[in-house]
Amino acid sequence: MSGNVAPDTAALFAIAFEWGLYGISVWMFVRTMKELLFGISQNWKMALAACLFFSFSTCHAIVDLVRMKIGFIDKRESPGGPVLYFADVTEVLFLVRSSFYLAQTLLADAVVVYRCNTVWRPKSRWIVYIPLTLWTSLVATSIGALYNLGVAARHSGTRPGVEIFAFAKWVNAFFALSLATNLVGTGLLAFRIWTVNQTTTEFRETGFMMPVFRVVIDAGLLYTITLTATLVVFEAKSNAQTITLDILMPIISISFYMLILRVATLAKRGPPRSTDISLEPTSISSRSVNWSAPTPLSRPREEEDWASVHSMQKASTSVV
């Protein structure tokens, strides 16, 4: 077997981490749906996306539970036992769980492309073609990977025990394209938010959009770091890739929910009062923001700045 981690051991650790993070994602999903359906930032499109994320991650977690039962109970007396079962990618359930992962990733990157289009469309329409091209390539790679896994599953009787590393070219291409799509999309979205912040406030160090900018960066980093770790361990041909890959499923959902919830929290605070604005906040509470005030803004300018924040909120609540 490849790597220094046994496939059955990796599977045990993977399901423990996956279900732990899945529990967190369920709690965040409930809060996200409440915000998207009944909050001040109602958005039916993102509510549908949230439901899809929840469905994919739930199905993936359930399939992994079923595989645990088959591997450690049904296959324990068979030749090779659990080790062979969890290493074999020709099993039908492996193809099923892979389909859910591919769908989750494609949806997440599609949301990033959609957000880029939303924030850049008034400024420059052609910008969106950069992440869109990457996402289209990702779709093609996903189809190719699934097709080859399907062919392997169909011939499982003659070629049992095929490891995932036999499909390294497809898997590496998928991970690389997903990483590139996320980095480019998140970077373009963050840059647009930053430029809007620079042009809609008289203060150049901190504006109304800077908290949103930080949230976008945080959510993007969470997914990027996990995906990079998965790519690294896969390149090392370690079965630990099972652990990082299963962690990715709830992480994608958590990143999506986290961005929506944090930006919604910022929106609920509303704009600072015209007599209470300065370069840096002195304290932040759940009800208001207390600002020192060397220079007041006029009410029209203040409302214009906050309207810019509110109008871009839909375009900055889902980067994964």
C-alpha atoms as a PDB file:
ATOM      1  CA  MET A   1       0.000   0.000   0.000  1.00  0.00           C
ATOM      2  CA  SER A   2       1.130   3.556  -0.665  1.00  0.00           C
ATOM      3  CA  GLY A   3       2.083   5.866   2.154  1.00  0.00           C
ATOM      4  CA  ASN A   4       2.808   5.162   5.801  1.00  0.00           C
ATOM      5  CA  VAL A   5      -0.833   5.249   6.944  1.00  0.00           C
ATOM      6  CA  ALA A   6      -2.943   2.123   6.520  1.00  0.00           C
ATOM      7  CA  PRO A   7      -6.137   2.718   4.494  1.00  0.00           C
ATOM      8  CA  ASP A   8      -8.409   1.458   7.284  1.00  0.00           C
ATOM      9  CA  THR A   9      -6.658   3.644   9.864  1.00  0.00           C
ATOM     10  CA  ALA A  10      -6.972   6.671   7.588  1.00  0.00           C
ATOM     11  CA  ALA A  11     -10.665   5.904   7.092  1.00  0.00           C
ATOM     12  CA  LEU A  12     -11.281   5.856  10.861  1.00  0.00           C
ATOM     13  CA  PHE A  13      -9.565   9.185  11.436  1.00  0.00           C
ATOM     14  CA  ALA A  14     -11.272  10.655   8.377  1.00  0.00           C
ATOM     15  CA  ILE A  15     -14.803   9.864   9.511  1.00  0.00           C
ATOM     16  CA  ALA A  16     -14.088  11.159  13.026  1.00  0.00           C
ATOM     17  CA  PHE A  17     -12.893  14.523  11.704  1.00  0.00           C
ATOM     18  CA  GLU A  18     -15.586  14.676   9.041  1.00  0.00           C
ATOM     19  CA  TRP A  19     -18.483  14.097  11.417  1.00  0.00           C
ATOM     20  CA  GLY A  20     -17.042  16.481  14.002  1.00  0.00           C
ATOM     21  CA  LEU A  21     -16.826  19.289  11.455  1.00  0.00           C
ATOM     22  CA  TYR A  22     -20.139  18.225   9.938  1.00  0.00           C
ATOM     23  CA  GLY A  23     -21.817  18.845  13.298  1.00  0.00           C
ATOM     24  CA  ILE A  24     -20.435  22.386  13.324  1.00  0.00           C
ATOM     25  CA  SER A  25     -21.598  22.922   9.748  1.00  0.00           C
ATOM     26  CA  VAL A  26     -25.148  21.809  10.620  1.00  0.00           C
ATOM     27  CA  TRP A  27     -25.361  24.441  13.361  1.00  0.00           C
ATOM     28  CA  MET A  28     -24.004  27.086  10.985  1.00  0.00           C
ATOM     29  CA  PHE A  29     -26.401  25.958   8.242  1.00  0.00           C
ATOM     30  CA  VAL A  30     -29.408  26.559  10.492  1.00  0.00           C
ATOM     31  CA  ARG A  31     -28.184  30.058  11.357  1.00  0.00           C
ATOM     32  CA  THR A  32     -27.381  30.780   7.714  1.00  0.00           C
ATOM     33  CA  MET A  33     -30.835  29.756   6.508  1.00  0.00           C
ATOM     34  CA  LYS A  34     -32.432  31.896   9.197  1.00  0.00           C
ATOM     35  CA  GLU A  35     -30.397  34.863   8.017  1.00  0.00           C
ATOM     36  CA  LEU A  36     -30.970  34.278   4.295  1.00  0.00           C
ATOM     37  CA  LEU A  37     -34.712  33.685   4.617  1.00  0.00           C
ATOM     38  CA  PHE A  38     -35.710  36.006   7.448  1.00  0.00           C
ATOM     39  CA  GLY A  39     -32.788  38.373   8.054  1.00  0.00           C
ATOM     40  CA  ILE A  40     -32.007  41.790   6.649  1.00  0.00           C
ATOM     41  CA  SER A  41     -29.967  40.245   3.831  1.00  0.00           C
ATOM     42  CA  GLN A  42     -32.557  37.888   2.343  1.00  0.00           C
ATOM     43  CA  ASN A  43     -31.194  36.059  -0.668  1.00  0.00           C
ATOM     44  CA  TRP A  44     -33.059  33.137  -2.196  1.00  0.00           C
ATOM     45  CA  LYS A  45     -30.228  32.228  -4.557  1.00  0.00           C
ATOM     46  CA  MET A  46     -27.763  31.848  -1.718  1.00  0.00           C
ATOM     47  CA  ALA A  47     -30.383  30.004   0.334  1.00  0.00           C
ATOM     48  CA  LEU A  48     -30.645  27.459  -2.475  1.00  0.00           C
ATOM     49  CA  ALA A  49     -26.854  27.194  -2.623  1.00  0.00           C
ATOM     50  CA  ALA A  50     -26.734  26.677   1.155  1.00  0.00           C
ATOM     51  CA  CYS A  51     -29.267  23.848   0.874  1.00  0.00           C
ATOM     52  CA  LEU A  52     -27.194  22.201  -1.846  1.00  0.00           C
ATOM     53  CA  PHE A  53     -24.019  22.480   0.225  1.00  0.00           C
ATOM     54  CA  PHE A  54     -25.821  20.940   3.183  1.00  0.00           C
ATOM     55  CA  SER A  55     -27.268  18.149   1.032  1.00  0.00           C
ATOM     56  CA  PHE A  56     -23.937  17.225  -0.564  1.00  0.00           C
ATOM     57  CA  SER A  57     -22.021  17.207   2.719  1.00  0.00           C
ATOM     58  CA  THR A  58     -24.795  15.216   4.431  1.00  0.00           C
ATOM     59  CA  CYS A  59     -24.899  12.601   1.684  1.00  0.00           C
ATOM     60  CA  HIS A  60     -21.111  12.324   1.693  1.00  0.00           C
ATOM     61  CA  ALA A  61     -21.031  11.821   5.471  1.00  0.00           C
ATOM     62  CA  ILE A  62     -23.769   9.166   5.317  1.00  0.00           C
ATOM     63  CA  VAL A  63     -22.029   7.281   2.506  1.00  0.00           C
ATOM     64  CA  ASP A  64     -18.845   7.264   4.573  1.00  0.00           C
ATOM     65  CA  LEU A  65     -20.772   5.767   7.493  1.00  0.00           C
ATOM     66  CA  VAL A  66     -22.110   3.034   5.232  1.00  0.00           C
ATOM     67  CA  ARG A  67     -18.590   2.345   3.983  1.00  0.00           C
ATOM     68  CA  MET A  68     -17.422   2.028   7.596  1.00  0.00           C
ATOM     69  CA  LYS A  69     -20.053  -0.629   8.221  1.00  0.00           C
ATOM     70  CA  ILE A  70     -19.168  -2.542   5.064  1.00  0.00           C
ATOM     71  CA  GLY A  71     -15.415  -2.279   5.564  1.00  0.00           C
ATOM     72  CA  PHE A  72     -15.150  -3.160   9.241  1.00  0.00           C
ATOM     73  CA  ILE A  73     -18.096  -5.564   9.577  1.00  0.00           C
ATOM     74  CA  ASP A  74     -19.048  -7.082   6.244  1.00  0.00           C
ATOM     75  CA  LYS A  75     -15.495  -7.307   4.862  1.00  0.00           C
ATOM     76  CA  ARG A  76     -13.576  -8.160   8.019  1.00  0.00           C
ATOM     77  CA  GLU A  77     -13.373 -11.869   7.154  1.00  0.00           C
ATOM     78  CA  SER A  78     -12.862 -11.423   3.416  1.00  0.00           C
ATOM     79  CA  PRO A  79      -9.401 -11.652   1.770  1.00  0.00           C
ATOM     80  CA  GLY A  80      -7.565  -8.402   2.405  1.00  0.00           C
ATOM     81  CA  GLY A  81     -10.186  -7.304   4.921  1.00  0.00           C
ATOM     82  CA  PRO A  82     -10.849  -3.612   5.659  1.00  0.00           C
ATOM     83  CA  VAL A  83      -7.423  -2.596   4.368  1.00  0.00           C
ATOM     84  CA  LEU A  84      -8.176  -3.793   0.840  1.00  0.00           C
ATOM     85  CA  TYR A  85     -11.731  -2.426   0.900  1.00  0.00           C
ATOM     86  CA  PHE A  86     -10.791   1.133   1.839  1.00  0.00           C
ATOM     87  CA  ALA A  87      -7.890   1.181  -0.617  1.00  0.00           C
ATOM     88  CA  ASP A  88     -10.009  -0.022  -3.544  1.00  0.00           C
ATOM     89  CA  VAL A  89     -11.423   2.808  -5.664  1.00  0.00           C
ATOM     90  CA  THR A  90     -13.361   0.398  -7.883  1.00  0.00           C
ATOM     91  CA  GLU A  91     -16.025   0.037  -5.179  1.00  0.00           C
ATOM     92  CA  VAL A  92     -19.331   1.602  -6.226  1.00  0.00           C
ATOM     93  CA  LEU A  93     -19.690   3.588  -2.997  1.00  0.00           C
ATOM     94  CA  PHE A  94     -16.290   5.163  -3.584  1.00  0.00           C
ATOM     95  CA  LEU A  95     -17.583   6.421  -6.924  1.00  0.00           C
ATOM     96  CA  VAL A  96     -20.723   7.747  -5.207  1.00  0.00           C
ATOM     97  CA  ARG A  97     -18.842   9.645  -2.495  1.00  0.00           C
ATOM     98  CA  SER A  98     -16.450  11.033  -5.098  1.00  0.00           C
ATOM     99  CA  SER A  99     -19.435  12.328  -7.076  1.00  0.00           C
ATOM    100  CA  PHE A 100     -20.687  14.239  -4.035  1.00  0.00           C
ATOM    101  CA  TYR A 101     -17.258  15.739  -3.447  1.00  0.00           C
ATOM    102  CA  LEU A 102     -16.906  16.838  -7.071  1.00  0.00           C
ATOM    103  CA  ALA A 103     -20.392  18.363  -7.025  1.00  0.00           C
ATOM    104  CA  GLN A 104     -19.629  20.233  -3.787  1.00  0.00           C
ATOM    105  CA  THR A 105     -16.388  21.619  -5.170  1.00  0.00           C
ATOM    106  CA  LEU A 106     -17.936  22.666  -8.486  1.00  0.00           C
ATOM    107  CA  LEU A 107     -20.757  24.428  -6.650  1.00  0.00           C
ATOM    108  CA  ALA A 108     -18.354  26.245  -4.334  1.00  0.00           C
ATOM    109  CA  ASP A 109     -16.194  27.488  -7.181  1.00  0.00           C
ATOM    110  CA  ALA A 110     -19.290  28.414  -9.205  1.00  0.00           C
ATOM    111  CA  VAL A 111     -20.409  30.623  -6.318  1.00  0.00           C
ATOM    112  CA  VAL A 112     -17.020  32.335  -6.345  1.00  0.00           C
ATOM    113  CA  VAL A 113     -17.353  33.010 -10.081  1.00  0.00           C
ATOM    114  CA  TYR A 114     -20.891  34.311  -9.579  1.00  0.00           C
ATOM    115  CA  ARG A 115     -19.733  36.709  -6.869  1.00  0.00           C
ATOM    116  CA  CYS A 116     -16.894  37.971  -9.043  1.00  0.00           C
ATOM    117  CA  ASN A 117     -19.344  38.634 -11.841  1.00  0.00           C
ATOM    118  CA  THR A 118     -21.638  40.517  -9.472  1.00  0.00           C
ATOM    119  CA  VAL A 119     -19.002  42.873  -8.089  1.00  0.00           C
ATOM    120  CA  TRP A 120     -17.051  43.410 -11.300  1.00  0.00           C
ATOM    121  CA  ARG A 121     -19.937  43.662 -13.782  1.00  0.00           C
ATOM    122  CA  PRO A 122     -20.528  47.410 -13.342  1.00  0.00           C
ATOM    123  CA  LYS A 123     -16.791  48.045 -13.716  1.00  0.00           C
ATOM    124  CA  SER A 124     -15.448  45.487 -16.192  1.00  0.00           C
ATOM    125  CA  ARG A 125     -17.374  42.564 -17.628  1.00  0.00           C
ATOM    126  CA  TRP A 126     -14.370  40.726 -19.072  1.00  0.00           C
ATOM    127  CA  ILE A 127     -12.760  40.125 -15.665  1.00  0.00           C
ATOM    128  CA  VAL A 128     -15.181  37.303 -14.901  1.00  0.00           C
ATOM    129  CA  TYR A 129     -13.951  35.290 -17.886  1.00  0.00           C
ATOM    130  CA  ILE A 130     -10.698  34.531 -16.063  1.00  0.00           C
ATOM    131  CA  PRO A 131     -12.231  32.490 -13.196  1.00  0.00           C
ATOM    132  CA  LEU A 132     -15.007  31.279 -15.505  1.00  0.00           C
ATOM    133  CA  THR A 133     -12.454  29.710 -17.853  1.00  0.00           C
ATOM    134  CA  LEU A 134     -10.776  27.980 -14.928  1.00  0.00           C
ATOM    135  CA  TRP A 135     -14.130  26.725 -13.653  1.00  0.00           C
ATOM    136  CA  THR A 136     -15.050  25.368 -17.096  1.00  0.00           C
ATOM    137  CA  SER A 137     -11.756  23.473 -17.176  1.00  0.00           C
ATOM    138  CA  LEU A 138     -12.569  22.157 -13.705  1.00  0.00           C
ATOM    139  CA  VAL A 139     -15.900  20.819 -14.973  1.00  0.00           C
ATOM    140  CA  ALA A 140     -14.167  19.024 -17.836  1.00  0.00           C
ATOM    141  CA  THR A 141     -11.612  17.527 -15.458  1.00  0.00           C
ATOM    142  CA  SER A 142     -14.385  16.376 -13.111  1.00  0.00           C
ATOM    143  CA  ILE A 143     -16.179  14.619 -15.945  1.00  0.00           C
ATOM    144  CA  GLY A 144     -12.962  12.922 -17.022  1.00  0.00           C
ATOM    145  CA  ALA A 145     -12.155  11.796 -13.482  1.00  0.00           C
ATOM    146  CA  LEU A 146     -15.649  10.411 -12.898  1.00  0.00           C
ATOM    147  CA  TYR A 147     -15.613   8.630 -16.241  1.00  0.00           C
ATOM    148  CA  ASN A 148     -12.330   6.897 -15.470  1.00  0.00           C
ATOM    149  CA  LEU A 149     -13.511   5.945 -11.986  1.00  0.00           C
ATOM    150  CA  GLY A 150     -16.697   4.582 -13.524  1.00  0.00           C
ATOM    151  CA  VAL A 151     -14.740   2.491 -16.008  1.00  0.00           C
ATOM    152  CA  ALA A 152     -12.598   1.142 -13.169  1.00  0.00           C
ATOM    153  CA  ALA A 153     -15.701   0.300 -11.128  1.00  0.00           C
ATOM    154  CA  ARG A 154     -17.270  -1.499 -14.081  1.00  0.00           C
ATOM    155  CA  HIS A 155     -14.190  -3.704 -14.428  1.00  0.00           C
ATOM    156  CA  SER A 156     -13.751  -4.207 -10.695  1.00  0.00           C
ATOM    157  CA  GLY A 157     -14.109  -7.977 -11.126  1.00  0.00           C
ATOM    158  CA  THR A 158     -11.002  -8.190 -13.284  1.00  0.00           C
ATOM    159  CA  ARG A 159      -9.015  -5.377 -11.635  1.00  0.00           C
ATOM    160  CA  PRO A 160      -9.717  -5.403  -7.891  1.00  0.00           C
ATOM    161  CA  GLY A 161      -7.729  -3.374  -5.392  1.00  0.00           C
ATOM    162  CA  VAL A 162      -6.995  -0.358  -7.620  1.00  0.00           C
ATOM    163  CA  GLU A 163      -5.727   2.574  -5.540  1.00  0.00           C
ATOM    164  CA  ILE A 164      -6.665   6.216  -6.051  1.00  0.00           C
ATOM    165  CA  PHE A 165      -3.043   7.000  -6.949  1.00  0.00           C
ATOM    166  CA  ALA A 166      -3.592   5.153 -10.229  1.00  0.00           C
ATOM    167  CA  PHE A 167      -5.639   8.202 -11.265  1.00  0.00           C
ATOM    168  CA  ALA A 168      -3.014  10.712 -10.116  1.00  0.00           C
ATOM    169  CA  LYS A 169      -3.101  12.758 -13.336  1.00  0.00           C
ATOM    170  CA  TRP A 170      -6.834  13.387 -13.096  1.00  0.00           C
ATOM    171  CA  VAL A 171      -6.806  14.012  -9.351  1.00  0.00           C
ATOM    172  CA  ASN A 172      -3.836  16.381  -9.496  1.00  0.00           C
ATOM    173  CA  ALA A 173      -5.428  18.305 -12.361  1.00  0.00           C
ATOM    174  CA  PHE A 174      -8.685  18.607 -10.430  1.00  0.00           C
ATOM    175  CA  PHE A 175      -7.017  19.817  -7.224  1.00  0.00           C
ATOM    176  CA  ALA A 176      -4.801  22.273  -9.105  1.00  0.00           C
ATOM    177  CA  LEU A 177      -7.688  23.758 -11.101  1.00  0.00           C
ATOM    178  CA  SER A 178      -9.898  24.011  -8.026  1.00  0.00           C
ATOM    179  CA  LEU A 179      -7.109  25.752  -6.130  1.00  0.00           C
ATOM    180  CA  ALA A 180      -6.455  28.128  -9.027  1.00  0.00           C
ATOM    181  CA  THR A 181     -10.150  28.938  -9.449  1.00  0.00           C
ATOM    182  CA  ASN A 182     -10.547  29.671  -5.766  1.00  0.00           C
ATOM    183  CA  LEU A 183      -7.384  31.769  -5.523  1.00  0.00           C
ATOM    184  CA  VAL A 184      -8.146  33.811  -8.634  1.00  0.00           C
ATOM    185  CA  GLY A 185     -11.823  34.252  -7.783  1.00  0.00           C
ATOM    186  CA  THR A 186     -11.197  35.153  -4.153  1.00  0.00           C
ATOM    187  CA  GLY A 187      -8.365  37.464  -5.131  1.00  0.00           C
ATOM    188  CA  LEU A 188     -10.481  39.335  -7.680  1.00  0.00           C
ATOM    189  CA  LEU A 189     -13.383  39.624  -5.255  1.00  0.00           C
ATOM    190  CA  ALA A 190     -11.169  40.846  -2.422  1.00  0.00           C
ATOM    191  CA  PHE A 191      -9.392  43.326  -4.701  1.00  0.00           C
ATOM    192  CA  ARG A 192     -12.696  44.766  -5.890  1.00  0.00           C
ATOM    193  CA  ILE A 193     -13.923  45.186  -2.314  1.00  0.00           C
ATOM    194  CA  TRP A 194     -10.650  46.846  -1.376  1.00  0.00           C
ATOM    195  CA  THR A 195     -10.813  49.294  -4.285  1.00  0.00           C
ATOM    196  CA  VAL A 196     -14.425  50.183  -3.464  1.00  0.00           C
ATOM    197  CA  ASN A 197     -13.354  50.810   0.110  1.00  0.00           C
ATOM    198  CA  GLN A 198     -10.596  53.119  -1.102  1.00  0.00           C
ATOM    199  CA  THR A 199     -12.896  55.156  -3.320  1.00  0.00           C
ATOM    200  CA  THR A 200     -15.984  55.372  -1.100  1.00  0.00           C
ATOM    201  CA  THR A 201     -14.390  56.706   2.066  1.00  0.00           C
ATOM    202  CA  GLU A 202     -12.382  59.811   2.797  1.00  0.00           C
ATOM    203  CA  PHE A 203     -10.111  57.748   4.997  1.00  0.00           C
ATOM    204  CA  ARG A 204      -7.630  55.507   3.256  1.00  0.00           C
ATOM    205  CA  GLU A 205      -6.613  53.156   6.093  1.00  0.00           C
ATOM    206  CA  THR A 206      -9.966  51.802   7.166  1.00  0.00           C
ATOM    207  CA  GLY A 207     -13.363  52.150   5.566  1.00  0.00           C
ATOM    208  CA  PHE A 208     -16.732  50.499   5.780  1.00  0.00           C
ATOM    209  CA  MET A 209     -15.677  47.720   3.406  1.00  0.00           C
ATOM    210  CA  MET A 210     -12.504  46.683   5.237  1.00  0.00           C
ATOM    211  CA  PRO A 211     -14.280  44.298   7.656  1.00  0.00           C
ATOM    212  CA  VAL A 212     -15.890  42.623   4.632  1.00  0.00           C
ATOM    213  CA  PHE A 213     -12.480  42.441   2.972  1.00  0.00           C
ATOM    214  CA  ARG A 214     -11.040  40.628   6.000  1.00  0.00           C
ATOM    215  CA  VAL A 215     -13.939  38.168   6.096  1.00  0.00           C
ATOM    216  CA  VAL A 216     -13.453  37.330   2.415  1.00  0.00           C
ATOM    217  CA  ILE A 217      -9.744  36.703   2.971  1.00  0.00           C
ATOM    218  CA  ASP A 218     -10.381  34.550   6.065  1.00  0.00           C
ATOM    219  CA  ALA A 219     -12.952  32.354   4.328  1.00  0.00           C
ATOM    220  CA  GLY A 220     -10.779  31.962   1.257  1.00  0.00           C
ATOM    221  CA  LEU A 221      -7.743  31.010   3.335  1.00  0.00           C
ATOM    222  CA  LEU A 222      -9.662  28.373   5.292  1.00  0.00           C
ATOM    223  CA  TYR A 223     -10.505  26.450   2.139  1.00  0.00           C
ATOM    224  CA  THR A 224      -7.219  27.155   0.367  1.00  0.00           C
ATOM    225  CA  ILE A 225      -5.071  25.850   3.228  1.00  0.00           C
ATOM    226  CA  THR A 226      -7.110  22.645   3.518  1.00  0.00           C
ATOM    227  CA  LEU A 227      -7.051  22.042  -0.236  1.00  0.00           C
ATOM    228  CA  THR A 228      -3.313  22.713  -0.406  1.00  0.00           C
ATOM    229  CA  ALA A 229      -2.707  20.210   2.394  1.00  0.00           C
ATOM    230  CA  THR A 230      -4.767  17.638   0.483  1.00  0.00           C
ATOM    231  CA  LEU A 231      -2.758  18.216  -2.685  1.00  0.00           C
ATOM    232  CA  VAL A 232       0.535  17.902  -0.796  1.00  0.00           C
ATOM    233  CA  VAL A 233      -0.305  14.602   0.914  1.00  0.00           C
ATOM    234  CA  PHE A 234      -1.706  13.219  -2.329  1.00  0.00           C
ATOM    235  CA  GLU A 235       1.497  14.113  -4.155  1.00  0.00           C
ATOM    236  CA  ALA A 236       3.349  12.276  -1.382  1.00  0.00           C
ATOM    237  CA  LYS A 237       1.183   9.234  -2.191  1.00  0.00           C
ATOM    238  CA  SER A 238       0.076   9.001   1.418  1.00  0.00           C
ATOM    239  CA  ASN A 239      -3.246   7.490   2.445  1.00  0.00           C
ATOM    240  CA  ALA A 240      -3.581  10.488   4.752  1.00  0.00           C
ATOM    241  CA  GLN A 241      -5.170  12.134   1.716  1.00  0.00           C
ATOM    242  CA  THR A 242      -8.347  10.302   2.766  1.00  0.00           C
ATOM    243  CA  ILE A 243      -8.381  12.340   5.981  1.00  0.00           C
ATOM    244  CA  THR A 244      -7.800  15.739   4.376  1.00  0.00           C
ATOM    245  CA  LEU A 245     -10.230  14.973   1.558  1.00  0.00           C
ATOM    246  CA  ASP A 246     -13.040  14.067   3.955  1.00  0.00           C
ATOM    247  CA  ILE A 247     -12.296  17.192   5.984  1.00  0.00           C
ATOM    248  CA  LEU A 248     -12.722  19.277   2.831  1.00  0.00           C
ATOM    249  CA  MET A 249     -16.428  18.448   2.528  1.00  0.00           C
ATOM    250  CA  PRO A 250     -17.581  20.187   5.734  1.00  0.00           C
ATOM    251  CA  ILE A 251     -14.866  22.851   5.392  1.00  0.00           C
ATOM    252  CA  ILE A 252     -16.365  23.981   2.079  1.00  0.00           C
ATOM    253  CA  SER A 253     -19.772  24.350   3.715  1.00  0.00           C
ATOM    254  CA  ILE A 254     -18.348  26.037   6.821  1.00  0.00           C
ATOM    255  CA  SER A 255     -16.470  28.598   4.701  1.00  0.00           C
ATOM    256  CA  PHE A 256     -19.662  29.404   2.804  1.00  0.00           C
ATOM    257  CA  TYR A 257     -21.775  29.760   5.956  1.00  0.00           C
ATOM    258  CA  MET A 258     -19.087  31.678   7.852  1.00  0.00           C
ATOM    259  CA  LEU A 259     -18.837  34.399   5.253  1.00  0.00           C
ATOM    260  CA  ILE A 260     -22.589  34.908   5.084  1.00  0.00           C
ATOM    261  CA  LEU A 261     -22.986  35.034   8.861  1.00  0.00           C
ATOM    262  CA  ARG A 262     -20.076  37.389   9.493  1.00  0.00           C
ATOM    263  CA  VAL A 263     -21.026  39.821   6.743  1.00  0.00           C
ATOM    264  CA  ALA A 264     -24.650  39.723   7.933  1.00  0.00           C
ATOM    265  CA  THR A 265     -23.435  40.625  11.419  1.00  0.00           C
ATOM    266  CA  LEU A 266     -21.557  43.605  10.001  1.00  0.00           C
ATOM    267  CA  ALA A 267     -24.648  44.707   8.087  1.00  0.00           C
ATOM    268  CA  LYS A 268     -26.822  44.544  11.209  1.00  0.00           C
ATOM    269  CA  ARG A 269     -24.538  46.963  13.007  1.00  0.00           C
ATOM    270  CA  GLY A 270     -25.273  49.560  10.366  1.00  0.00           C
ATOM    271  CA  PRO A 271     -23.126  52.571   9.517  1.00  0.00           C
ATOM    272  CA  PRO A 272     -21.422  54.531  12.248  1.00  0.00           C
ATOM    273  CA  ARG A 273     -23.066  57.817  13.206  1.00  0.00           C
ATOM    274  CA  SER A 274     -21.883  60.877  11.309  1.00  0.00           C
ATOM    275  CA  THR A 275     -20.386  62.429  14.448  1.00  0.00           C
ATOM    276  CA  ASP A 276     -18.611  59.202  15.471  1.00  0.00           C
ATOM    277  CA  ILE A 277     -16.327  58.346  12.584  1.00  0.00           C
ATOM    278  CA  SER A 278     -12.533  58.119  12.472  1.00  0.00           C
ATOM    279  CA  LEU A 279      -9.770  56.065  10.954  1.00  0.00           C
ATOM    280  CA  GLU A 280      -9.866  53.171  13.422  1.00  0.00           C
ATOM    281  CA  PRO A 281     -12.599  51.702  15.654  1.00  0.00           C
ATOM    282  CA  THR A 282     -11.837  51.951  19.375  1.00  0.00           C
ATOM    283  CA  SER A 283     -14.254  49.220  20.430  1.00  0.00           C
ATOM    284  CA  ILE A 284     -16.740  46.889  18.815  1.00  0.00           C
ATOM    285  CA  SER A 285     -19.804  45.390  20.444  1.00  0.00           C
ATOM    286  CA  SER A 286     -22.685  43.303  19.136  1.00  0.00           C
ATOM    287  CA  ARG A 287     -24.959  46.369  19.138  1.00  0.00           C
ATOM    288  CA  SER A 288     -22.862  49.222  17.865  1.00  0.00           C
ATOM    289  CA  VAL A 289     -19.450  50.452  16.850  1.00  0.00           C
ATOM    290  CA  ASN A 290     -17.870  53.181  18.968  1.00  0.00           C
ATOM    291  CA  TRP A 291     -15.664  55.464  16.929  1.00  0.00           C
ATOM    292  CA  SER A 292     -13.490  58.430  17.916  1.00  0.00           C
ATOM    293  CA  ALA A 293     -14.340  61.527  15.916  1.00  0.00           C
ATOM    294  CA  PRO A 294     -11.755  64.035  14.773  1.00  0.00           C
ATOM    295  CA  THR A 295     -13.627  64.768  11.540  1.00  0.00           C
ATOM    296  CA  PRO A 296     -17.358  64.280  10.893  1.00  0.00           C
ATOM    297  CA  LEU A 297     -18.826  63.059   7.644  1.00  0.00           C
ATOM    298  CA  SER A 298     -21.935  64.586   6.209  1.00  0.00           C
ATOM    299  CA  ARG A 299     -25.066  62.444   6.406  1.00  0.00           C
ATOM    300  CA  PRO A 300     -25.465  62.145   2.588  1.00  0.00           C
ATOM    301  CA  ARG A 301     -21.868  60.977   2.159  1.00  0.00           C
ATOM    302  CA  GLU A 302     -22.177  58.555   5.090  1.00  0.00           C
ATOM    303  CA  GLU A 303     -25.366  57.049   3.703  1.00  0.00           C
ATOM    304  CA  GLU A 304     -23.792  56.812   0.261  1.00  0.00           C
ATOM    305  CA  ASP A 305     -20.816  54.911   1.674  1.00  0.00           C
ATOM    306  CA  TRP A 306     -22.986  52.502   3.612  1.00  0.00           C
ATOM    307  CA  ALA A 307     -25.265  52.007   0.613  1.00  0.00           C
ATOM    308  CA  SER A 308     -22.174  50.839  -1.248  1.00  0.00           C
ATOM    309  CA  VAL A 309     -21.500  48.318   1.490  1.00  0.00           C
ATOM    310  CA  HIS A 310     -25.082  47.074   1.415  1.00  0.00           C
ATOM    311  CA  SER A 311     -25.197  46.822  -2.377  1.00  0.00           C
ATOM    312  CA  MET A 312     -22.015  44.735  -2.430  1.00  0.00           C
ATOM    313  CA  GLN A 313     -23.069  42.553   0.500  1.00  0.00           C
ATOM    314  CA  LYS A 314     -24.722  39.979  -1.757  1.00  0.00           C
ATOM    315  CA  ALA A 315     -21.551  39.755  -3.777  1.00  0.00           C
ATOM    316  CA  SER A 316     -19.280  39.143  -0.802  1.00  0.00           C
ATOM    317  CA  THR A 317     -21.093  36.581   1.317  1.00  0.00           C
ATOM    318  CA  SER A 318     -19.876  33.343  -0.208  1.00  0.00           C
ATOM    319  CA  VAL A 319     -16.211  32.787  -1.019  1.00  0.00           C
ATOM    320  CA  VAL A 320     -14.929  29.227  -0.481  1.00  0.00           C
END
